[in-house]
Each structure stands twice: as C-alpha cells, then as structure tokens.
C-alpha atoms as a PDB file:
ATOM      1  CA  UNK A   1      -0.216  -0.116  -0.351  1.00  0.00           C
ATOM      2  CA  UNK A   2       2.282   3.317  -0.618  1.00  0.00           C
ATOM      3  CA  UNK A   3       2.577   5.688   1.997  1.00  0.00           C
ATOM      4  CA  UNK A   4       1.114   8.903   3.019  1.00  0.00           C
ATOM      5  CA  UNK A   5       2.878  11.879   1.663  1.00  0.00           C
ATOM      6  CA  UNK A   6       2.432  15.488   3.607  1.00  0.00           C
ATOM      7  CA  UNK A   7       1.674  18.370   1.119  1.00  0.00           C
ATOM      8  CA  UNK A   8       5.150  18.945   0.312  1.00  0.00           C
ATOM      9  CA  UNK A   9       6.662  15.520   0.093  1.00  0.00           C
ATOM     10  CA  UNK A  10       3.185  15.315  -2.753  1.00  0.00           C
ATOM     11  CA  UNK A  11       4.039  18.303  -4.281  1.00  0.00           C
ATOM     12  CA  UNK A  12       7.653  17.771  -5.367  1.00  0.00           C
ATOM     13  CA  UNK A  13       6.936  14.060  -5.623  1.00  0.00           C
ATOM     14  CA  UNK A  14       4.201  15.012  -8.644  1.00  0.00           C
ATOM     15  CA  UNK A  15       7.475  17.528  -9.865  1.00  0.00           C
ATOM     16  CA  UNK A  16       9.153  14.870 -10.767  1.00  0.00           C
ATOM     17  CA  UNK A  17       6.829  12.549 -12.084  1.00  0.00           C
ATOM     18  CA  UNK A  18       5.817  15.606 -14.423  1.00  0.00           C
ATOM     19  CA  UNK A  19       9.628  16.810 -15.186  1.00  0.00           C
ATOM     20  CA  UNK A  20      11.010  12.925 -15.605  1.00  0.00           C
ATOM     21  CA  UNK A  21       7.692  12.278 -17.733  1.00  0.00           C
ATOM     22  CA  UNK A  22       8.499  15.836 -20.260  1.00  0.00           C
ATOM     23  CA  UNK A  23      12.139  14.159 -20.836  1.00  0.00           C
ATOM     24  CA  UNK A  24      11.291  10.878 -22.426  1.00  0.00           C
ATOM     25  CA  UNK A  25       8.047  11.414 -24.387  1.00  0.00           C
ATOM     26  CA  UNK A  26       7.119  12.025 -27.301  1.00  0.00           C
ATOM     27  CA  UNK A  27       8.620   9.388 -29.681  1.00  0.00           C
ATOM     28  CA  UNK A  28       9.097   6.309 -26.482  1.00  0.00           C
ATOM     29  CA  UNK A  29      10.614   3.485 -27.700  1.00  0.00           C
ATOM     30  CA  UNK A  30      11.851   2.394 -31.732  1.00  0.00           C
ATOM     31  CA  UNK A  31       8.096   1.363 -32.281  1.00  0.00           C
ATOM     32  CA  UNK A  32       4.430   3.604 -31.463  1.00  0.00           C
ATOM     33  CA  UNK A  33       4.717   6.553 -28.644  1.00  0.00           C
ATOM     34  CA  UNK A  34       3.721   5.564 -25.151  1.00  0.00           C
ATOM     35  CA  UNK A  35       0.548   8.108 -23.879  1.00  0.00           C
ATOM     36  CA  UNK A  36       1.935  10.463 -22.185  1.00  0.00           C
ATOM     37  CA  UNK A  37      -0.229   9.562 -18.702  1.00  0.00           C
ATOM     38  CA  UNK A  38       0.639   5.779 -19.706  1.00  0.00           C
ATOM     39  CA  UNK A  39       4.157   7.247 -19.217  1.00  0.00           C
ATOM     40  CA  UNK A  40       2.959   9.243 -16.047  1.00  0.00           C
ATOM     41  CA  UNK A  41       1.921   6.011 -14.436  1.00  0.00           C
ATOM     42  CA  UNK A  42       3.982   4.002 -14.360  1.00  0.00           C
ATOM     43  CA  UNK A  43       7.233   6.583 -13.194  1.00  0.00           C
ATOM     44  CA  UNK A  44       4.012   7.560 -10.430  1.00  0.00           C
ATOM     45  CA  UNK A  45       4.462   3.007  -9.331  1.00  0.00           C
ATOM     46  CA  UNK A  46       8.049   3.931  -9.379  1.00  0.00           C
ATOM     47  CA  UNK A  47       8.388   6.266  -7.185  1.00  0.00           C
ATOM     48  CA  UNK A  48       5.801   5.665  -4.402  1.00  0.00           C
ATOM     49  CA  UNK A  49       7.203   1.809  -4.642  1.00  0.00           C
ATOM     50  CA  UNK A  50      10.777   3.399  -3.483  1.00  0.00           C
ATOM     51  CA  UNK A  51       9.432   5.659  -0.985  1.00  0.00           C
ATOM     52  CA  UNK A  52       7.386   2.731   0.963  1.00  0.00           C
ATOM     53  CA  UNK A  53      11.089   1.540   0.877  1.00  0.00           C
ATOM     54  CA  UNK A  54      13.130   4.338   1.922  1.00  0.00           C
ATOM     55  CA  UNK A  55      10.653   3.738   4.832  1.00  0.00           C
ATOM     56  CA  UNK A  56      11.492   0.741   5.580  1.00  0.00           C
ATOM     57  CA  UNK A  57      13.654  -2.062   8.030  1.00  0.00           C
ATOM     58  CA  UNK A  58      15.712  -3.861   7.295  1.00  0.00           C
ATOM     59  CA  UNK A  59      17.489  -1.215   4.224  1.00  0.00           C
ATOM     60  CA  UNK A  60      16.071  -3.612   1.271  1.00  0.00           C
ATOM     61  CA  UNK A  61      18.848  -3.295  -1.404  1.00  0.00           C
ATOM     62  CA  UNK A  62      17.195  -6.321  -2.896  1.00  0.00           C
ATOM     63  CA  UNK A  63      13.545  -4.779  -3.691  1.00  0.00           C
ATOM     64  CA  UNK A  64      14.700  -1.304  -4.934  1.00  0.00           C
ATOM     65  CA  UNK A  65      17.267  -3.508  -6.701  1.00  0.00           C
ATOM     66  CA  UNK A  66      14.647  -4.207  -8.777  1.00  0.00           C
ATOM     67  CA  UNK A  67      12.663  -1.949  -9.412  1.00  0.00           C
ATOM     68  CA  UNK A  68      15.571  -0.456 -10.657  1.00  0.00           C
ATOM     69  CA  UNK A  69      15.307  -3.634 -13.435  1.00  0.00           C
ATOM     70  CA  UNK A  70      12.618  -3.048 -13.779  1.00  0.00           C
ATOM     71  CA  UNK A  71      13.314   0.266 -16.129  1.00  0.00           C
ATOM     72  CA  UNK A  72      15.405  -1.802 -18.469  1.00  0.00           C
ATOM     73  CA  UNK A  73      12.068  -3.714 -19.728  1.00  0.00           C
ATOM     74  CA  UNK A  74       9.515  -2.677 -21.886  1.00  0.00           C
ATOM     75  CA  UNK A  75       8.067   0.214 -22.508  1.00  0.00           C
ATOM     76  CA  UNK A  76      10.996   1.843 -22.314  1.00  0.00           C
ATOM     77  CA  UNK A  77      13.366  -0.852 -22.989  1.00  0.00           C
ATOM     78  CA  UNK A  78      14.665   0.866 -26.645  1.00  0.00           C
ATOM     79  CA  UNK A  79      14.899   4.275 -24.758  1.00  0.00           C
ATOM     80  CA  UNK A  80      17.301   6.248 -23.382  1.00  0.00           C
ATOM     81  CA  UNK A  81      16.157   7.782 -19.966  1.00  0.00           C
ATOM     82  CA  UNK A  82      19.938   6.688 -18.222  1.00  0.00           C
ATOM     83  CA  UNK A  83      20.156  10.363 -17.516  1.00  0.00           C
ATOM     84  CA  UNK A  84      16.437  11.918 -16.848  1.00  0.00           C
ATOM     85  CA  UNK A  85      16.036   8.687 -14.329  1.00  0.00           C
ATOM     86  CA  UNK A  86      18.898   9.601 -12.291  1.00  0.00           C
ATOM     87  CA  UNK A  87      17.987  13.227 -12.361  1.00  0.00           C
ATOM     88  CA  UNK A  88      14.994  12.324 -10.791  1.00  0.00           C
ATOM     89  CA  UNK A  89      15.543   9.579  -8.402  1.00  0.00           C
ATOM     90  CA  UNK A  90      18.547  11.105  -7.006  1.00  0.00           C
ATOM     91  CA  UNK A  91      17.935  15.160  -7.317  1.00  0.00           C
ATOM     92  CA  UNK A  92      14.163  14.546  -5.098  1.00  0.00           C
ATOM     93  CA  UNK A  93      14.119  14.343  -2.057  1.00  0.00           C
ATOM     94  CA  UNK A  94      11.948  13.527   0.067  1.00  0.00           C
ATOM     95  CA  UNK A  95      11.013  13.772   4.049  1.00  0.00           C
ATOM     96  CA  UNK A  96      11.977  15.796   6.427  1.00  0.00           C
ATOM     97  CA  UNK A  97      15.023  16.981   6.644  1.00  0.00           C
ATOM     98  CA  UNK A  98      16.194  13.795   9.722  1.00  0.00           C
ATOM     99  CA  UNK A  99      13.290  11.160   8.640  1.00  0.00           C
ATOM    100  CA  UNK A 100      13.690   8.125   7.967  1.00  0.00           C
ATOM    101  CA  UNK A 101      12.486   8.202   4.260  1.00  0.00           C
ATOM    102  CA  UNK A 102      15.164  11.609   3.989  1.00  0.00           C
ATOM    103  CA  UNK A 103      18.176   9.535   5.549  1.00  0.00           C
ATOM    104  CA  UNK A 104      17.472   6.366   2.963  1.00  0.00           C
ATOM    105  CA  UNK A 105      16.167   7.702   0.266  1.00  0.00           C
ATOM    106  CA  UNK A 106      19.613   9.075  -1.915  1.00  0.00           C
ATOM    107  CA  UNK A 107      20.298   5.434  -0.470  1.00  0.00           C
ATOM    108  CA  UNK A 108      17.095   3.581  -2.421  1.00  0.00           C
ATOM    109  CA  UNK A 109      17.553   5.466  -5.466  1.00  0.00           C
ATOM    110  CA  UNK A 110      21.320   5.216  -6.105  1.00  0.00           C
ATOM    111  CA  UNK A 111      20.292   1.337  -5.453  1.00  0.00           C
ATOM    112  CA  UNK A 112      17.917   1.502  -8.312  1.00  0.00           C
ATOM    113  CA  UNK A 113      19.539   3.539 -10.162  1.00  0.00           C
ATOM    114  CA  UNK A 114      22.177   1.685 -10.213  1.00  0.00           C
ATOM    115  CA  UNK A 115      20.429  -1.930 -11.089  1.00  0.00           C
ATOM    116  CA  UNK A 116      18.984   0.195 -13.582  1.00  0.00           C
ATOM    117  CA  UNK A 117      22.669   1.053 -15.426  1.00  0.00           C
ATOM    118  CA  UNK A 118      23.826  -2.849 -14.870  1.00  0.00           C
ATOM    119  CA  UNK A 119      20.779  -4.249 -16.331  1.00  0.00           C
ATOM    120  CA  UNK A 120      21.755  -1.318 -18.953  1.00  0.00           C
ATOM    121  CA  UNK A 121      25.589  -2.522 -19.377  1.00  0.00           C
ATOM    122  CA  UNK A 122      24.419  -6.841 -19.528  1.00  0.00           C
ATOM    123  CA  UNK A 123      22.053  -5.579 -22.506  1.00  0.00           C
ATOM    124  CA  UNK A 124      24.599  -3.587 -24.150  1.00  0.00           C
ATOM    125  CA  UNK A 125      27.373  -6.495 -23.431  1.00  0.00           C
ATOM    126  CA  UNK A 126      24.774  -9.182 -25.302  1.00  0.00           C
ATOM    127  CA  UNK A 127      24.579  -6.756 -27.810  1.00  0.00           C
ATOM    128  CA  UNK A 128      29.017  -6.479 -28.181  1.00  0.00           C
ATOM    129  CA  UNK A 129      29.015  -9.812 -28.379  1.00  0.00           C
ATOM    130  CA  UNK A 130      26.277 -10.090 -31.228  1.00  0.00           C
ATOM    131  CA  UNK A 131      27.902  -7.561 -33.161  1.00  0.00           C
ATOM    132  CA  UNK A 132      31.337  -6.930 -31.917  1.00  0.00           C
ATOM    133  CA  UNK A 133      31.742  -3.932 -32.491  1.00  0.00           C
ATOM    134  CA  UNK A 134      33.595  -0.811 -31.285  1.00  0.00           C
ATOM    135  CA  UNK A 135      30.362   1.734 -31.365  1.00  0.00           C
ATOM    136  CA  UNK A 136      28.661  -0.598 -28.624  1.00  0.00           C
ATOM    137  CA  UNK A 137      31.810  -1.366 -27.087  1.00  0.00           C
ATOM    138  CA  UNK A 138      32.527   2.736 -26.780  1.00  0.00           C
ATOM    139  CA  UNK A 139      28.719   2.692 -24.616  1.00  0.00           C
ATOM    140  CA  UNK A 140      29.459  -0.275 -22.416  1.00  0.00           C
ATOM    141  CA  UNK A 141      32.607   2.463 -20.849  1.00  0.00           C
ATOM    142  CA  UNK A 142      30.425   5.370 -21.039  1.00  0.00           C
ATOM    143  CA  UNK A 143      27.534   3.272 -19.446  1.00  0.00           C
ATOM    144  CA  UNK A 144      29.427   1.843 -16.319  1.00  0.00           C
ATOM    145  CA  UNK A 145      31.463   5.567 -15.700  1.00  0.00           C
ATOM    146  CA  UNK A 146      27.929   6.548 -14.778  1.00  0.00           C
ATOM    147  CA  UNK A 147      27.494   4.247 -13.037  1.00  0.00           C
ATOM    148  CA  UNK A 148      30.560   4.481 -11.423  1.00  0.00           C
ATOM    149  CA  UNK A 149      29.798   8.790 -11.050  1.00  0.00           C
ATOM    150  CA  UNK A 150      26.612   7.959 -10.068  1.00  0.00           C
ATOM    151  CA  UNK A 151      27.064   5.696  -6.538  1.00  0.00           C
ATOM    152  CA  UNK A 152      29.629   7.728  -6.140  1.00  0.00           C
ATOM    153  CA  UNK A 153      27.478  11.072  -6.192  1.00  0.00           C
ATOM    154  CA  UNK A 154      24.896   9.384  -3.710  1.00  0.00           C
ATOM    155  CA  UNK A 155      27.012   9.156  -1.463  1.00  0.00           C
ATOM    156  CA  UNK A 156      29.016  12.406  -1.415  1.00  0.00           C
ATOM    157  CA  UNK A 157      28.953  15.773  -0.528  1.00  0.00           C
ATOM    158  CA  UNK A 158      29.416  17.895  -3.574  1.00  0.00           C
ATOM    159  CA  UNK A 159      31.697  20.923  -1.766  1.00  0.00           C
ATOM    160  CA  UNK A 160      34.193  18.288  -0.327  1.00  0.00           C
ATOM    161  CA  UNK A 161      33.772  15.104  -1.853  1.00  0.00           C
ATOM    162  CA  UNK A 162      33.402  14.169   2.233  1.00  0.00           C
ATOM    163  CA  UNK A 163      31.043  10.615   2.498  1.00  0.00           C
ATOM    164  CA  UNK A 164      27.568  12.310   3.060  1.00  0.00           C
ATOM    165  CA  UNK A 165      25.098  10.977   5.405  1.00  0.00           C
ATOM    166  CA  UNK A 166      23.538   8.035   4.310  1.00  0.00           C
ATOM    167  CA  UNK A 167      27.321   7.459   3.477  1.00  0.00           C
ATOM    168  CA  UNK A 168      28.729   7.518   7.425  1.00  0.00           C
ATOM    169  CA  UNK A 169      26.266   5.818   9.115  1.00  0.00           C
ATOM    170  CA  UNK A 170      25.964   3.312   7.406  1.00  0.00           C
ATOM    171  CA  UNK A 171      30.037   2.422   7.543  1.00  0.00           C
ATOM    172  CA  UNK A 172      29.656   3.168  11.182  1.00  0.00           C
ATOM    173  CA  UNK A 173      27.124   0.201  11.587  1.00  0.00           C
ATOM    174  CA  UNK A 174      29.798  -1.955   9.968  1.00  0.00           C
ATOM    175  CA  UNK A 175      32.268  -0.875  12.172  1.00  0.00           C
ATOM    176  CA  UNK A 176      29.919  -1.523  14.788  1.00  0.00           C
ATOM    177  CA  UNK A 177      30.149  -5.455  14.255  1.00  0.00           C
ATOM    178  CA  UNK A 178      34.273  -5.402  14.831  1.00  0.00           C
ATOM    179  CA  UNK A 179      34.559  -7.236  18.036  1.00  0.00           C
ATOM    180  CA  UNK A 180      37.698  -6.411  18.763  1.00  0.00           C
ATOM    181  CA  UNK A 181      37.731  -2.176  18.577  1.00  0.00           C
ATOM    182  CA  UNK A 182      35.245  -0.105  19.465  1.00  0.00           C
ATOM    183  CA  UNK A 183      33.485   3.199  17.231  1.00  0.00           C
ATOM    184  CA  UNK A 184      34.803   5.946  17.632  1.00  0.00           C
ATOM    185  CA  UNK A 185      32.857   9.665  16.777  1.00  0.00           C
ATOM    186  CA  UNK A 186      34.072  13.578  16.791  1.00  0.00           C
ATOM    187  CA  UNK A 187      31.789  15.857  15.881  1.00  0.00           C
ATOM    188  CA  UNK A 188      33.503  18.901  14.677  1.00  0.00           C
ATOM    189  CA  UNK A 189      31.703  23.069  14.719  1.00  0.00           C
ATOM    190  CA  UNK A 190      34.072  25.942  12.707  1.00  0.00           C
ATOM    191  CA  UNK A 191      33.869  28.796  15.015  1.00  0.00           C
ATOM    192  CA  UNK A 192      32.116  31.534  14.109  1.00  0.00           C
ATOM    193  CA  UNK A 193      31.445  30.330  10.511  1.00  0.00           C
ATOM    194  CA  UNK A 194      28.907  32.372   9.741  1.00  0.00           C
ATOM    195  CA  UNK A 195      31.517  35.896  10.582  1.00  0.00           C
ATOM    196  CA  UNK A 196      33.716  34.462   7.749  1.00  0.00           C
ATOM    197  CA  UNK A 197      30.555  33.638   5.225  1.00  0.00           C
ATOM    198  CA  UNK A 198      29.386  37.938   6.605  1.00  0.00           C
ATOM    199  CA  UNK A 199      33.136  38.942   5.983  1.00  0.00           C
ATOM    200  CA  UNK A 200      34.009  37.633   2.892  1.00  0.00           C
ATOM    201  CA  UNK A 201      31.173  36.174   1.913  1.00  0.00           C
ATOM    202  CA  UNK A 202      29.508  32.527   0.765  1.00  0.00           C
ATOM    203  CA  UNK A 203      32.938  31.821  -2.268  1.00  0.00           C
ATOM    204  CA  UNK A 204      35.544  31.960   0.276  1.00  0.00           C
ATOM    205  CA  UNK A 205      33.109  30.677   2.915  1.00  0.00           C
ATOM    206  CA  UNK A 206      33.326  27.609   0.379  1.00  0.00           C
ATOM    207  CA  UNK A 207      37.450  27.432   0.248  1.00  0.00           C
ATOM    208  CA  UNK A 208      36.775  26.923   3.681  1.00  0.00           C
ATOM    209  CA  UNK A 209      34.865  24.024   3.971  1.00  0.00           C
ATOM    210  CA  UNK A 210      36.745  22.693   0.756  1.00  0.00           C
ATOM    211  CA  UNK A 211      40.499  23.045   2.802  1.00  0.00           C
ATOM    212  CA  UNK A 212      39.406  22.053   6.220  1.00  0.00           C
ATOM    213  CA  UNK A 213      38.172  18.718   4.106  1.00  0.00           C
ATOM    214  CA  UNK A 214      41.288  18.692   3.091  1.00  0.00           C
ATOM    215  CA  UNK A 215      42.783  18.714   6.144  1.00  0.00           C
ATOM    216  CA  UNK A 216      40.854  16.544   7.878  1.00  0.00           C
ATOM    217  CA  UNK A 217      41.203  14.242   5.158  1.00  0.00           C
ATOM    218  CA  UNK A 218      45.376  14.206   5.987  1.00  0.00           C
ATOM    219  CA  UNK A 219      45.377  14.400   9.717  1.00  0.00           C
ATOM    220  CA  UNK A 220      42.477  11.338  10.261  1.00  0.00           C
ATOM    221  CA  UNK A 221      44.034   7.440  10.073  1.00  0.00           C
ATOM    222  CA  UNK A 222      43.167   5.592   7.012  1.00  0.00           C
ATOM    223  CA  UNK A 223      40.101   3.568   8.073  1.00  0.00           C
ATOM    224  CA  UNK A 224      38.306   7.221   8.921  1.00  0.00           C
ATOM    225  CA  UNK A 225      34.673   7.992   7.426  1.00  0.00           C
ATOM    226  CA  UNK A 226      34.441  11.612   7.160  1.00  0.00           C
ATOM    227  CA  UNK A 227      31.312  14.038   6.540  1.00  0.00           C
ATOM    228  CA  UNK A 228      30.533  17.016   5.678  1.00  0.00           C
ATOM    229  CA  UNK A 229      26.979  15.920   8.130  1.00  0.00           C
ATOM    230  CA  UNK A 230      25.856  20.310   8.352  1.00  0.00           C
ATOM    231  CA  UNK A 231      26.574  23.467   6.959  1.00  0.00           C
ATOM    232  CA  UNK A 232      29.995  23.925   8.492  1.00  0.00           C
ATOM    233  CA  UNK A 233      29.869  20.618  10.405  1.00  0.00           C
ATOM    234  CA  UNK A 234      31.871  16.962  10.116  1.00  0.00           C
ATOM    235  CA  UNK A 235      31.349  13.879  11.775  1.00  0.00           C
ATOM    236  CA  UNK A 236      34.826  11.321  11.962  1.00  0.00           C
ATOM    237  CA  UNK A 237      34.143   7.982  12.448  1.00  0.00           C
ATOM    238  CA  UNK A 238      36.922   5.445  13.223  1.00  0.00           C
ATOM    239  CA  UNK A 239      37.608   1.693  14.160  1.00  0.00           C
ATOM    240  CA  UNK A 240      39.238   2.501  18.170  1.00  0.00           C
ATOM    241  CA  UNK A 241      40.471   1.387  20.869  1.00  0.00           C
ATOM    242  CA  UNK A 242      40.456   2.811  24.104  1.00  0.00           C
ATOM    243  CA  UNK A 243      41.722   5.882  24.373  1.00  0.00           C
ATOM    244  CA  UNK A 244      41.991   7.036  20.900  1.00  0.00           C
ATOM    245  CA  UNK A 245      40.046   9.719  20.697  1.00  0.00           C
ATOM    246  CA  UNK A 246      42.021  12.381  22.634  1.00  0.00           C
ATOM    247  CA  UNK A 247      45.134  11.896  20.592  1.00  0.00           C
ATOM    248  CA  UNK A 248      43.646  12.184  17.243  1.00  0.00           C
ATOM    249  CA  UNK A 249      40.803  14.639  18.444  1.00  0.00           C
ATOM    250  CA  UNK A 250      44.288  17.528  19.626  1.00  0.00           C
ATOM    251  CA  UNK A 251      45.819  16.418  15.835  1.00  0.00           C
ATOM    252  CA  UNK A 252      42.631  17.946  14.508  1.00  0.00           C
ATOM    253  CA  UNK A 253      42.360  21.181  15.928  1.00  0.00           C
ATOM    254  CA  UNK A 254      46.091  21.567  15.701  1.00  0.00           C
ATOM    255  CA  UNK A 255      45.402  21.242  12.160  1.00  0.00           C
ATOM    256  CA  UNK A 256      41.963  23.027  11.697  1.00  0.00           C
ATOM    257  CA  UNK A 257      43.045  25.960  13.456  1.00  0.00           C
ATOM    258  CA  UNK A 258      46.132  26.954  11.078  1.00  0.00           C
ATOM    259  CA  UNK A 259      44.757  30.176   8.694  1.00  0.00           C
ATOM    260  CA  UNK A 260      43.262  29.908   5.793  1.00  0.00           C
ATOM    261  CA  UNK A 261      44.767  30.452   1.901  1.00  0.00           C
ATOM    262  CA  UNK A 262      41.978  31.816  -0.067  1.00  0.00           C
ATOM    263  CA  UNK A 263      41.061  33.917  -2.685  1.00  0.00           C
ATOM    264  CA  UNK A 264      40.946  37.165  -0.190  1.00  0.00           C
ATOM    265  CA  UNK A 265      43.822  35.886   1.569  1.00  0.00           C
ATOM    266  CA  UNK A 266      44.308  33.837   4.828  1.00  0.00           C
ATOM    267  CA  UNK A 267      41.217  33.803   6.933  1.00  0.00           C
ATOM    268  CA  UNK A 268      41.256  32.436  10.553  1.00  0.00           C
ATOM    269  CA  UNK A 269      39.895  29.399  11.643  1.00  0.00           C
ATOM    270  CA  UNK A 270      39.310  27.381  14.322  1.00  0.00           C
ATOM    271  CA  UNK A 271      37.149  24.940  15.648  1.00  0.00           C
ATOM    272  CA  UNK A 272      35.393  22.999  18.842  1.00  0.00           C
ATOM    273  CA  UNK A 273      34.886  19.516  19.212  1.00  0.00           C
ATOM    274  CA  UNK A 274      33.381  16.539  21.195  1.00  0.00           C
ATOM    275  CA  UNK A 275      34.288  13.288  20.968  1.00  0.00           C
ATOM    276  CA  UNK A 276      32.273   9.963  22.115  1.00  0.00           C
ATOM    277  CA  UNK A 277      32.783   6.480  22.136  1.00  0.00           C
ATOM    278  CA  UNK A 278      30.949   3.412  21.619  1.00  0.00           C
ATOM    279  CA  UNK A 279      32.952  -0.211  22.666  1.00  0.00           C
ATOM    280  CA  UNK A 280      33.185  -3.227  21.008  1.00  0.00           C
ATOM    281  CA  UNK A 281      30.640  -5.705  21.792  1.00  0.00           C
ATOM    282  CA  UNK A 282      27.733  -3.099  22.382  1.00  0.00           C
ATOM    283  CA  UNK A 283      24.864  -1.709  20.851  1.00  0.00           C
ATOM    284  CA  UNK A 284      26.299   1.160  19.101  1.00  0.00           C
ATOM    285  CA  UNK A 285      23.479   3.407  17.625  1.00  0.00           C
ATOM    286  CA  UNK A 286      24.582   6.246  15.447  1.00  0.00           C
ATOM    287  CA  UNK A 287      22.110   8.319  16.619  1.00  0.00           C
ATOM    288  CA  UNK A 288      22.627   8.181  21.018  1.00  0.00           C
ATOM    289  CA  UNK A 289      26.967   8.459  19.564  1.00  0.00           C
ATOM    290  CA  UNK A 290      25.976  11.399  17.465  1.00  0.00           C
ATOM    291  CA  UNK A 291      23.735  13.094  20.315  1.00  0.00           C
ATOM    292  CA  UNK A 292      26.555  12.667  23.156  1.00  0.00           C
ATOM    293  CA  UNK A 293      29.518  14.012  20.804  1.00  0.00           C
ATOM    294  CA  UNK A 294      26.654  16.178  19.851  1.00  0.00           C
ATOM    295  CA  UNK A 295      27.422  17.317  24.040  1.00  0.00           C
ATOM    296  CA  UNK A 296      30.340  17.245  24.545  1.00  0.00           C
ATOM    297  CA  UNK A 297      31.024  19.513  21.650  1.00  0.00           C
ATOM    298  CA  UNK A 298      28.660  22.554  22.925  1.00  0.00           C
ATOM    299  CA  UNK A 299      30.794  21.875  25.897  1.00  0.00           C
ATOM    300  CA  UNK A 300      33.802  22.871  24.211  1.00  0.00           C
ATOM    301  CA  UNK A 301      32.260  26.048  22.917  1.00  0.00           C
ATOM    302  CA  UNK A 302      31.048  26.830  26.081  1.00  0.00           C
ATOM    303  CA  UNK A 303      34.494  26.246  27.491  1.00  0.00           C
ATOM    304  CA  UNK A 304      36.102  28.676  24.966  1.00  0.00           C
ATOM    305  CA  UNK A 305      36.033  27.289  22.111  1.00  0.00           C
ATOM    306  CA  UNK A 306      39.092  25.501  20.170  1.00  0.00           C
ATOM    307  CA  UNK A 307      38.557  22.619  22.008  1.00  0.00           C
ATOM    308  CA  UNK A 308      37.520  19.244  22.337  1.00  0.00           C
ATOM    309  CA  UNK A 309      35.527  17.125  24.968  1.00  0.00           C
ATOM    310  CA  UNK A 310      34.587  13.485  26.154  1.00  0.00           C
ATOM    311  CA  UNK A 311      31.044  13.072  27.172  1.00  0.00           C
ATOM    312  CA  UNK A 312      31.226  11.953  30.988  1.00  0.00           C
ATOM    313  CA  UNK A 313      29.552   8.867  29.808  1.00  0.00           C
ATOM    314  CA  UNK A 314      32.257   8.401  27.441  1.00  0.00           C
ATOM    315  CA  UNK A 315      35.136   9.657  29.488  1.00  0.00           C
ATOM    316  CA  UNK A 316      33.949   6.569  32.159  1.00  0.00           C
ATOM    317  CA  UNK A 317      33.834   3.826  29.498  1.00  0.00           C
ATOM    318  CA  UNK A 318      37.349   4.979  27.735  1.00  0.00           C
ATOM    319  CA  UNK A 319      39.504   4.302  30.869  1.00  0.00           C
ATOM    320  CA  UNK A 320      37.667   5.702  33.795  1.00  0.00           C
ATOM    321  CA  UNK A 321      40.728   5.960  36.199  1.00  0.00           C
ATOM    322  CA  UNK A 322      41.759   8.495  33.670  1.00  0.00           C
ATOM    323  CA  UNK A 323      40.606  12.274  35.703  1.00  0.00           C
ATOM    324  CA  UNK A 324      38.447  14.356  33.216  1.00  0.00           C
ATOM    325  CA  UNK A 325      40.884  16.676  32.464  1.00  0.00           C
ATOM    326  CA  UNK A 326      43.152  14.556  30.134  1.00  0.00           C
ATOM    327  CA  UNK A 327      39.997  14.830  27.752  1.00  0.00           C
ATOM    328  CA  UNK A 328      40.377  18.265  27.578  1.00  0.00           C
ATOM    329  CA  UNK A 329      42.274  20.907  25.380  1.00  0.00           C
ATOM    330  CA  UNK A 330      42.944  23.999  23.933  1.00  0.00           C
ATOM    331  CA  UNK A 331      44.570  23.939  20.448  1.00  0.00           C
ATOM    332  CA  UNK A 332      47.614  26.224  20.917  1.00  0.00           C
END
C-alpha cells in the first residue's frame, strides 16, 4: 500500500514525475509512442514503491534493485532514459530533514539507478557479443563510468567530496560489527563560521570548507570515514580502541586552527570538537553516539572554543582511572 505523503513531499513527487515524463515523451521507443498518461502512471508507481522501501526495515536493497531493473524492460527497453531517471530519482529529496525516508532516500534511489545501469550494461554486453562493434564497446564503457559516478554522487557531498550522512551511518554500522574495537566519533563544528560567510562572502566560505575537508583527510587514519554533516559541521568516525580519541581530537584541532589561504587572503579558522565512544561488543546506535558527541562539542564551545571534550559517560568507558582533564584541551 503506498505511503501517505505530506503536502510538501506530494507536490515535490508530482513535479518530479512531470519533469521525468517530459524528458522521455513523446517518442518513447522505436515503435509507437506510449501515451503520456501511461508514462506518468509507470513513473508514479516507481517512485511510490521506492518511497515505501525508504521507510522499511531492514534496508531493502534487493527490492530497490528489482525496481531499477524494471526500468530497462518494456516499454522503456529501447529508450535512452538513464540520465533523466538519474536526475529524477537522485534529485528528489522527500520527507522532513532527519526523517527515515529523507535519510534513506539517496541510498534507495541509488540502488535502483545502479541496478538499472547494470541491466543496461548487461544488455549492451549481449549486443557486443552479437555485433562486436566498436560503438557498442564505447557505450558499455560509458555506462560503467556513469554507474560509478552516480554511486559516488549519491553518497558524497558535492562541495567537499566527503561522505554524506547516509554513507556515514552505513559505515558506522559496519564498524560496530568489529568485536575487537569500538567506534569513535568526533563532531567538529567550525567556530564563528557565519562571520566568515558574512565578512568574506559565501564563495570564500566554500574555499574554507574545502580546505578543512582536505586537512581532515590528511590528519585522520586510513580507516576513518569523514563526513560533511551540515553547513559547517563535520563528523569523523573510525574503529577505535581505548584512549585514542583524545589524541586524534588534538591532531584535528591543531590542523584546523591554522589560517586558511583563500582568494581573499588568509582567513582565520578554528574548531570545537566533541568526542564519543562506543565500546566493542555493545549495541552502537548512531543517533545516540552523535547526540553524545554533540553534547561534548557544546561543552567545548561553552568552555571557550578551540577545544575538545569527551562526553562524561564516554570518559568513564574509555578509562575510569584517567581524570576528566585528560580529555579536554585547548588548541595552541
């Protein structure tokens, strides 16, 4: 049964379907054109089913991929529809921010598009075996490249190329399955970033964000997943053992508190960091871990910024014999 949509989401879906239909109609296929109302009904069913899957547990990868494969079948089997389908599904942002549907939609849609691209690739491979023409070979390569790009775009931030929220949560769930190591989380908030945007302009602000992302990549260990979680918020997650978060937080603070060179000259930068830790063998709920890191980050902000703090509960879990002051420091 289709899910009930709020007014905003329903309007967004309807507009997406109209644009998608206009992109592929008229002249669908090499045979007689399919009526536009039939095309709209098919696209409506596809989006309705994907929205229902976005709100389902567990994560419905096979079902989403089955929907994608249907797009390669009749009546669209002779239609160049990969680009419009990608724009329609990956460009849709349904649900309230932070809701399950909003969080899951990018993954559900990317699974459908990924499966659709695979079906097209398989069909092109069959054609290649029959004709062995250079044109078909080029098409296969184009589809493979597009498939890779779409998968990446669905899971990464467009400005910084860091992981987005959906990829971060999936990676944290994978880290939590390690029986030998826990999961460490750093929530990084740039200090007074609004003043940078107001004083220098948003283009300079974007330069600062890109440089911050580069510094985080250079500072964090290879197993770390780094995410741009909000406008000026970043989240770092990594498989961790006891007493490692404080050391990493200190390195991050030192890296982020250096001025950033931009087109407008050097721009001062600093950050406040909150850390949280989930020990191995314990249920690791991403939302709880993030809330814990958020509380610690605001403690660092309140203490004067340019600092890091570990949530009180996590300090005890990391090492109950180490005093609280061991886990809070000011960047030099």
